[in-house]
Amino acid sequence: MSRSAIVVGAGIAGLTAANALTRCGWDVRVLERSPEPRTTGAGIVLLANALRGLDAAGVGDAVRAVGQRAYPGTLRDGAGRALVHVSAEQIAARLGTVAIAFHRPRLQEALLDGLGDVEVTYGAAAAAVDPGDAARPAVVTLDDGTTLGADLVVAADGVRSRLRAAVAPDAAEPVYVGSTTWLAVLDNPGITEMSQTWGPGGEVGLIALGDGRLYWYATQVGPAGRPTGDPAADLAAARAAFAGWHDPIPQVLAATTPEQVQQLDLYGFPKPIPRMVRGRVALVGDAAHAMPPNVGQGGCQGIEDAVVLAASVSGGSGGDSVVDGLAAYDRVRRPRTSGVLRAAWASARIGEQLGNPALVGLRNAALRALPARVMLDGMSRFARWTPPTLPAG
């Protein structure tokens, strides 16, 4: 008899979990708080570990078809001087595959397509969950009072997860990471390489997408609460903050219109969560380990979670029951995600959050002296992950 799973959250981690569980023979239903699928949003780059995870979940080819090979290009200082250059070919040779850039809505659309006739309910906000135990199912309660039972509940409801309290009530709440960020997607004015710039107290990235558009992000250190909710004012603030940076950054920001940009403050866990499972409920993605974006692993770790979870509860690892499988999932994932979380905070401190001119100069000199293979060593620390094989359902 097929086992049932409810996935709460139709983001990247949740949809990957739904695909992986369906592949293993689970009867899956997805609940999403938003009233409809997102058609706008920013970009994301997935590294080799995430792409292998999507392959294991059975959607790798479909996802690659909507992405663009990311050419890392050069890490620069605020004046445009090269610090480190790593080519796509070097990444492919070291990690087995290039990185791929996506427009988030197109990536999520590909993941949704992979679900076939799996029921995805929009406008269904999960308020709470009873985790259940080995003898009884988990029960999700929606805002409207509806209750839904399942053999497994996957809490993929993001950094502000409402279900996390039932799993890890003693977890530290996410905190402001110290940086606000602007994100935008616009028609590509001719940028062909992915680039990253570290200046004093800030960072800018330019990433060509596969549909003729450009994704840019910019972060700046400062107090929380700066997004105004007025896109024109937020864009004006970004243009002012990065006006003195090297070309083509000011030109790209000038070509961006208010309706193309969003500004938000970044939040992450200050320390690893003490547990990712309770009863029949598992946390995945940002609900379990939201982190600064500085090692490019936020979305990647959510994909890893999803695949390991599906394997753990489907006979690929762990014990015979769902509860035993979730215990195995926690044993595997928590050390891994804890290490990535700590690395992300450390990278933030030496990246855009470094504002002292003397320390910035020392950092930049050290980066210029490093051979590209050292940068690749840092990337491969996380990106060489190999997913488990999912048992066929």
Protein backbone atom coordinates (compact mmCIF):
# COMPACT_ATOMS: atom_id res chain seq x y z
CA MET A 1 0.00 0.00 0.00
CA SER A 2 1.29 3.43 -0.96
CA ARG A 3 2.40 5.67 1.87
CA SER A 4 1.24 9.29 2.02
CA ALA A 5 3.29 12.46 2.35
CA ILE A 6 2.33 16.11 2.68
CA VAL A 7 4.93 18.63 1.55
CA VAL A 8 4.37 22.08 3.03
CA GLY A 9 5.93 24.66 0.72
CA ALA A 10 6.30 24.73 -3.07
CA GLY A 11 9.75 26.26 -3.20
CA ILE A 12 12.83 24.55 -4.58
CA ALA A 13 13.39 22.25 -1.58
CA GLY A 14 9.73 21.33 -1.26
CA LEU A 15 9.21 20.58 -4.94
CA THR A 16 12.42 18.54 -5.09
CA ALA A 17 11.20 16.53 -2.09
CA ALA A 18 7.85 15.99 -3.80
CA ASN A 19 9.58 14.75 -6.97
CA ALA A 20 11.95 12.48 -5.06
CA LEU A 21 9.20 10.96 -2.90
CA THR A 22 6.94 10.43 -5.91
CA ARG A 23 9.81 8.64 -7.65
CA CYS A 24 10.01 6.33 -4.62
CA GLY A 25 6.32 5.46 -4.84
CA TRP A 26 4.86 7.83 -2.24
CA ASP A 27 1.42 9.38 -2.61
CA VAL A 28 2.34 13.07 -2.33
CA ARG A 29 0.34 16.25 -1.86
CA VAL A 30 1.90 19.72 -1.86
CA LEU A 31 0.48 22.65 0.10
CA GLU A 32 1.59 26.20 -0.74
CA ARG A 33 0.68 29.35 1.17
CA SER A 34 0.88 31.63 -1.90
CA PRO A 35 -2.35 31.92 -3.87
CA GLU A 36 -0.71 30.92 -7.16
CA PRO A 37 2.66 29.92 -8.64
CA ARG A 38 5.20 32.71 -8.78
CA THR A 39 5.84 34.21 -12.21
CA THR A 40 8.39 36.78 -11.06
CA GLY A 41 11.51 36.46 -8.98
CA ALA A 42 15.27 36.57 -8.95
CA GLY A 43 17.91 34.12 -10.09
CA ILE A 44 19.80 31.25 -8.53
CA VAL A 45 22.97 29.36 -9.39
CA LEU A 46 23.09 25.63 -8.64
CA LEU A 47 26.43 23.92 -8.22
CA ALA A 48 27.37 20.32 -8.98
CA ASN A 49 26.00 18.83 -5.76
CA ALA A 50 22.52 20.26 -6.36
CA LEU A 51 22.51 19.15 -10.00
CA ARG A 52 23.42 15.61 -8.98
CA GLY A 53 20.59 15.70 -6.46
CA LEU A 54 18.11 16.76 -9.13
CA ASP A 55 19.37 13.93 -11.33
CA ALA A 56 18.68 11.48 -8.50
CA ALA A 57 15.17 12.93 -8.13
CA GLY A 58 14.55 12.29 -11.83
CA VAL A 59 14.30 15.92 -12.97
CA GLY A 60 17.91 16.79 -13.81
CA ASP A 61 17.50 16.87 -17.60
CA ALA A 62 14.29 18.90 -17.46
CA VAL A 63 15.86 21.40 -15.10
CA ARG A 64 19.04 21.80 -17.16
CA ALA A 65 16.89 22.58 -20.20
CA VAL A 66 15.67 25.83 -18.60
CA GLY A 67 19.05 26.95 -17.24
CA GLN A 68 22.21 28.55 -18.55
CA ARG A 69 25.77 27.36 -18.07
CA ALA A 70 27.24 29.80 -15.57
CA TYR A 71 30.63 31.13 -16.55
CA PRO A 72 32.13 32.22 -13.23
CA GLY A 73 34.52 34.72 -14.78
CA THR A 74 36.34 36.90 -12.28
CA LEU A 75 36.07 37.94 -8.67
CA ARG A 76 36.99 41.65 -8.55
CA ASP A 77 37.47 44.40 -6.03
CA GLY A 78 35.29 47.50 -6.00
CA ALA A 79 37.55 49.26 -8.49
CA GLY A 80 37.34 46.38 -10.96
CA ARG A 81 40.77 44.88 -10.38
CA ALA A 82 40.88 41.09 -10.73
CA LEU A 83 41.26 39.08 -7.53
CA VAL A 84 40.60 35.50 -8.69
CA HIS A 85 39.55 33.96 -12.00
CA VAL A 86 38.04 30.48 -12.30
CA SER A 87 36.76 29.24 -15.65
CA ALA A 88 33.72 27.06 -16.26
CA GLU A 89 36.04 24.45 -17.74
CA GLN A 90 38.09 24.33 -14.54
CA ILE A 91 34.93 23.84 -12.49
CA ALA A 92 33.68 21.09 -14.80
CA ALA A 93 37.03 19.30 -14.69
CA ARG A 94 37.21 19.46 -10.90
CA LEU A 95 33.56 18.90 -9.97
CA GLY A 96 32.25 16.88 -12.92
CA THR A 97 29.76 19.47 -14.13
CA VAL A 98 29.51 23.21 -14.65
CA ALA A 99 27.34 25.42 -12.50
CA ILE A 100 23.98 26.39 -14.00
CA ALA A 101 22.08 29.65 -13.53
CA PHE A 102 18.28 29.78 -13.44
CA HIS A 103 15.46 32.26 -13.24
CA ARG A 104 13.77 30.93 -10.11
CA PRO A 105 10.22 30.82 -11.54
CA ARG A 106 11.41 28.77 -14.53
CA LEU A 107 13.27 26.37 -12.25
CA GLN A 108 10.19 25.94 -10.08
CA GLU A 109 8.04 25.46 -13.18
CA ALA A 110 10.31 22.62 -14.31
CA LEU A 111 10.06 21.02 -10.88
CA LEU A 112 6.27 21.36 -10.95
CA ASP A 113 6.13 19.77 -14.41
CA GLY A 114 8.07 16.80 -13.05
CA LEU A 115 5.27 16.08 -10.57
CA GLY A 116 2.78 15.11 -13.26
CA ASP A 117 -0.63 14.66 -11.63
CA VAL A 118 0.55 15.22 -8.04
CA GLU A 119 -1.91 17.53 -6.30
CA VAL A 120 -0.50 21.01 -5.58
CA THR A 121 -2.89 23.20 -3.57
CA TYR A 122 -2.27 26.95 -3.58
CA GLY A 123 -3.64 29.29 -0.97
CA ALA A 124 -3.29 26.52 1.63
CA ALA A 125 -1.42 27.96 4.60
CA ALA A 126 -0.27 25.40 7.16
CA ALA A 127 -0.56 26.83 10.67
CA ALA A 128 0.68 23.92 12.79
CA VAL A 129 1.52 20.23 12.81
CA ASP A 130 1.12 17.40 15.27
CA PRO A 131 4.26 15.33 14.55
CA GLY A 132 2.64 11.99 15.36
CA ASP A 133 4.82 9.02 16.25
CA ALA A 134 5.52 5.43 15.21
CA ALA A 135 1.93 4.43 15.98
CA ARG A 136 -0.04 7.38 14.57
CA PRO A 137 0.18 9.74 11.59
CA ALA A 138 1.27 13.35 11.58
CA VAL A 139 -1.56 15.89 11.24
CA VAL A 140 -1.27 19.29 9.56
CA THR A 141 -3.72 22.03 10.54
CA LEU A 142 -4.42 24.77 8.00
CA ASP A 143 -5.33 28.36 8.77
CA ASP A 144 -8.96 27.63 7.95
CA GLY A 145 -9.06 24.81 10.52
CA THR A 146 -8.85 21.95 8.02
CA THR A 147 -6.78 19.01 9.25
CA LEU A 148 -4.86 16.61 7.00
CA GLY A 149 -3.13 13.43 8.12
CA ALA A 150 -0.15 11.71 6.48
CA ASP A 151 2.53 9.13 7.11
CA LEU A 152 5.12 11.85 6.54
CA VAL A 153 5.10 15.66 6.63
CA VAL A 154 7.92 17.58 4.94
CA ALA A 155 8.21 21.09 6.38
CA ALA A 156 9.66 23.13 3.51
CA ASP A 157 8.03 26.39 4.58
CA GLY A 158 11.10 28.59 4.60
CA VAL A 159 13.09 30.70 7.02
CA ARG A 160 9.93 31.86 8.81
CA SER A 161 8.63 28.29 9.10
CA ARG A 162 5.47 27.92 11.12
CA LEU A 163 6.01 24.17 11.51
CA ARG A 164 9.55 24.35 12.88
CA ALA A 165 8.36 24.92 16.47
CA ALA A 166 6.79 21.45 16.52
CA VAL A 167 10.12 19.87 15.53
CA ALA A 168 12.74 22.00 17.27
CA PRO A 169 11.09 24.34 19.80
CA ASP A 170 14.49 25.09 21.32
CA ALA A 171 16.08 26.19 18.03
CA ALA A 172 17.49 29.69 17.88
CA GLU A 173 15.33 32.00 15.79
CA PRO A 174 16.83 33.27 12.51
CA VAL A 175 18.62 36.60 12.90
CA TYR A 176 19.44 39.44 10.54
CA VAL A 177 22.75 38.53 8.91
CA GLY A 178 23.87 42.16 8.77
CA SER A 179 23.22 42.83 5.08
CA THR A 180 20.34 44.04 2.97
CA THR A 181 20.12 42.88 -0.63
CA TRP A 182 18.67 44.09 -3.90
CA LEU A 183 17.67 41.55 -6.58
CA ALA A 184 16.59 42.13 -10.17
CA VAL A 185 16.11 40.39 -13.52
CA LEU A 186 16.14 42.47 -16.72
CA ASP A 187 16.92 42.19 -20.43
CA ASN A 188 20.59 41.36 -20.73
CA PRO A 189 22.53 44.40 -21.98
CA GLY A 190 25.35 42.18 -23.24
CA ILE A 191 26.87 40.56 -20.14
CA THR A 192 28.28 37.14 -21.04
CA GLU A 193 30.23 36.14 -17.94
CA MET A 194 29.09 35.59 -14.40
CA SER A 195 31.01 38.00 -12.19
CA GLN A 196 31.28 38.86 -8.52
CA THR A 197 32.66 42.01 -6.95
CA TRP A 198 33.72 42.48 -3.34
CA GLY A 199 33.96 46.07 -2.22
CA PRO A 200 34.16 47.58 1.24
CA GLY A 201 30.94 46.62 3.01
CA GLY A 202 29.19 45.29 -0.09
CA GLU A 203 29.01 42.79 -2.93
CA VAL A 204 27.56 42.75 -6.45
CA GLY A 205 26.98 39.77 -8.74
CA LEU A 206 26.04 39.73 -12.44
CA ILE A 207 24.72 36.46 -13.88
CA ALA A 208 23.48 35.85 -17.44
CA LEU A 209 20.36 33.68 -17.59
CA GLY A 210 19.43 31.32 -20.41
CA ASP A 211 16.49 33.35 -21.72
CA GLY A 212 18.20 36.56 -22.83
CA ARG A 213 17.99 38.17 -19.42
CA LEU A 214 20.45 39.17 -16.71
CA TYR A 215 20.13 38.54 -13.00
CA TRP A 216 21.95 40.89 -10.66
CA TYR A 217 22.17 41.03 -6.90
CA ALA A 218 23.78 43.62 -4.65
CA THR A 219 24.27 43.44 -0.89
CA GLN A 220 25.28 46.17 1.51
CA VAL A 221 26.14 45.99 5.20
CA GLY A 222 23.94 48.06 7.47
CA PRO A 223 21.04 47.97 9.89
CA ALA A 224 17.90 45.95 9.22
CA GLY A 225 14.69 47.57 8.08
CA ARG A 226 15.94 49.55 5.11
CA PRO A 227 13.59 48.17 2.43
CA THR A 228 10.83 50.75 2.08
CA GLY A 229 8.28 48.74 0.13
CA ASP A 230 8.52 51.40 -2.58
CA PRO A 231 10.45 49.82 -5.49
CA ALA A 232 11.44 53.20 -6.95
CA ALA A 233 12.92 54.33 -3.62
CA ASP A 234 14.65 50.99 -3.08
CA LEU A 235 16.19 51.10 -6.57
CA ALA A 236 17.34 54.68 -6.02
CA ALA A 237 19.06 53.54 -2.82
CA ALA A 238 20.88 50.76 -4.71
CA ARG A 239 22.02 53.14 -7.43
CA ALA A 240 23.38 55.54 -4.81
CA ALA A 241 25.10 52.79 -2.84
CA PHE A 242 27.00 51.40 -5.85
CA ALA A 243 27.44 54.51 -7.99
CA GLY A 244 31.22 54.55 -7.57
CA TRP A 245 31.79 50.88 -8.34
CA HIS A 246 33.44 49.66 -11.52
CA ASP A 247 31.73 49.36 -14.90
CA PRO A 248 29.32 47.89 -15.85
CA ILE A 249 27.70 47.88 -12.38
CA PRO A 250 26.35 51.46 -12.44
CA GLN A 251 25.14 50.98 -16.03
CA VAL A 252 23.30 47.76 -15.17
CA LEU A 253 21.58 49.41 -12.22
CA ALA A 254 20.68 52.39 -14.41
CA ALA A 255 19.06 50.06 -16.95
CA THR A 256 16.93 48.42 -14.25
CA THR A 257 13.37 49.66 -13.73
CA PRO A 258 11.55 49.77 -10.37
CA GLU A 259 9.17 46.95 -11.27
CA GLN A 260 12.16 44.67 -11.91
CA VAL A 261 13.80 45.08 -8.49
CA GLN A 262 13.09 43.91 -4.98
CA GLN A 263 14.95 44.68 -1.78
CA LEU A 264 14.93 42.50 1.30
CA ASP A 265 16.88 42.00 4.48
CA LEU A 266 18.72 38.69 4.81
CA TYR A 267 18.08 36.34 7.74
CA GLY A 268 19.76 33.11 8.78
CA PHE A 269 20.25 30.80 11.72
CA PRO A 270 23.00 32.05 14.06
CA LYS A 271 23.92 28.45 14.92
CA PRO A 272 22.92 24.98 13.72
CA ILE A 273 19.49 23.68 14.62
CA PRO A 274 19.52 20.97 17.33
CA ARG A 275 17.28 18.57 15.38
CA MET A 276 15.66 18.34 11.95
CA VAL A 277 13.02 15.69 12.71
CA ARG A 278 10.39 14.82 15.26
CA GLY A 279 7.85 12.03 14.99
CA ARG A 280 6.87 11.91 11.32
CA VAL A 281 7.90 15.47 10.46
CA ALA A 282 11.15 16.53 8.76
CA LEU A 283 12.49 20.02 8.17
CA VAL A 284 14.16 20.70 4.82
CA GLY A 285 15.79 23.73 3.22
CA ASP A 286 15.63 27.16 4.81
CA ALA A 287 13.21 25.92 7.46
CA ALA A 288 16.15 23.94 8.88
CA HIS A 289 19.27 25.90 7.96
CA ALA A 290 18.68 29.31 6.36
CA MET A 291 22.12 30.82 5.90
CA PRO A 292 23.94 33.81 4.42
CA PRO A 293 24.23 33.30 0.64
CA ASN A 294 28.00 33.65 0.61
CA VAL A 295 28.99 30.07 -0.30
CA GLY A 296 26.19 29.62 -2.85
CA GLN A 297 24.77 26.62 -1.02
CA GLY A 298 21.39 27.71 0.36
CA GLY A 299 19.26 26.22 -2.41
CA CYS A 300 21.76 23.43 -3.01
CA GLN A 301 21.49 22.18 0.56
CA GLY A 302 17.69 22.15 0.32
CA ILE A 303 17.94 19.90 -2.73
CA GLU A 304 20.35 17.61 -0.90
CA ASP A 305 17.93 17.45 2.04
CA ALA A 306 15.07 16.45 -0.24
CA VAL A 307 16.92 13.56 -1.88
CA VAL A 308 18.42 12.18 1.33
CA LEU A 309 15.02 12.41 3.00
CA ALA A 310 13.32 10.44 0.22
CA ALA A 311 16.02 7.76 0.33
CA SER A 312 15.91 7.55 4.13
CA VAL A 313 12.17 6.96 4.40
CA SER A 314 11.89 4.73 1.32
CA GLY A 315 14.28 1.93 2.12
CA GLY A 316 17.40 3.55 0.68
CA SER A 317 18.84 3.97 4.16
CA GLY A 318 17.76 3.86 7.78
CA GLY A 319 15.37 1.43 9.40
CA ASP A 320 12.13 -0.18 8.35
CA SER A 321 9.73 2.54 9.50
CA VAL A 322 9.22 6.18 8.59
CA VAL A 323 10.31 7.22 12.07
CA ASP A 324 13.51 5.15 11.79
CA GLY A 325 14.15 6.60 8.35
CA LEU A 326 13.76 10.14 9.65
CA ALA A 327 16.24 9.42 12.42
CA ALA A 328 18.71 8.32 9.72
CA TYR A 329 17.98 11.49 7.74
CA ASP A 330 18.77 13.62 10.79
CA ARG A 331 22.03 11.76 11.43
CA VAL A 332 23.18 12.31 7.85
CA ARG A 333 21.98 15.83 7.18
CA ARG A 334 22.54 17.77 10.38
CA PRO A 335 26.37 17.49 10.44
CA ARG A 336 26.53 18.37 6.73
CA THR A 337 24.24 21.39 6.89
CA SER A 338 25.82 22.60 10.13
CA GLY A 339 29.22 22.74 8.45
CA VAL A 340 27.85 24.62 5.45
CA LEU A 341 26.03 27.07 7.73
CA ARG A 342 29.22 27.86 9.64
CA ALA A 343 31.16 28.27 6.39
CA ALA A 344 28.53 30.69 5.05
CA TRP A 345 28.82 32.93 8.12
CA ALA A 346 32.63 32.83 7.93
CA SER A 347 32.55 33.74 4.23
CA ALA A 348 30.18 36.64 4.93
CA ARG A 349 32.58 38.05 7.50
CA ILE A 350 35.51 38.11 5.07
CA GLY A 351 33.34 39.04 2.08
CA GLU A 352 30.89 41.93 1.87
CA GLN A 353 30.83 42.46 5.64
CA LEU A 354 34.51 43.38 5.72
CA GLY A 355 34.59 47.18 5.73
CA ASN A 356 37.89 48.21 7.31
CA PRO A 357 40.04 49.50 4.40
CA ALA A 358 43.25 48.01 5.78
CA LEU A 359 41.68 44.59 6.25
CA VAL A 360 40.04 44.77 2.82
CA GLY A 361 43.46 45.49 1.33
CA LEU A 362 45.01 42.53 3.11
CA ARG A 363 42.19 40.24 2.00
CA ASN A 364 42.47 41.37 -1.61
CA ALA A 365 46.23 40.89 -1.65
CA ALA A 366 45.83 37.39 -0.26
CA LEU A 367 43.21 36.52 -2.89
CA ARG A 368 45.41 37.77 -5.74
CA ALA A 369 48.22 35.52 -4.52
CA LEU A 370 46.03 32.41 -4.48
CA PRO A 371 46.12 30.05 -7.46
CA ALA A 372 42.72 29.22 -8.94
CA ARG A 373 42.98 25.66 -7.66
CA VAL A 374 42.71 26.94 -4.08
CA MET A 375 39.38 28.57 -4.90
CA LEU A 376 38.30 25.31 -6.52
CA ASP A 377 39.33 23.45 -3.38
CA GLY A 378 36.94 25.65 -1.42
CA MET A 379 34.11 25.04 -3.86
CA SER A 380 34.69 21.30 -3.99
CA ARG A 381 34.43 21.06 -0.21
CA PHE A 382 30.66 21.09 -0.65
CA ALA A 383 30.03 20.56 -4.36
CA ARG A 384 31.58 17.08 -4.62
CA TRP A 385 28.66 15.55 -2.70
CA THR A 386 27.19 12.36 -4.16
CA PRO A 387 23.48 11.66 -3.66
CA PRO A 388 22.04 8.35 -2.50
CA THR A 389 20.31 6.14 -5.02
CA LEU A 390 16.55 6.38 -4.68
CA PRO A 391 14.69 3.07 -4.60
CA ALA A 392 12.12 2.77 -7.37
CA GLY A 393 8.52 3.06 -6.22
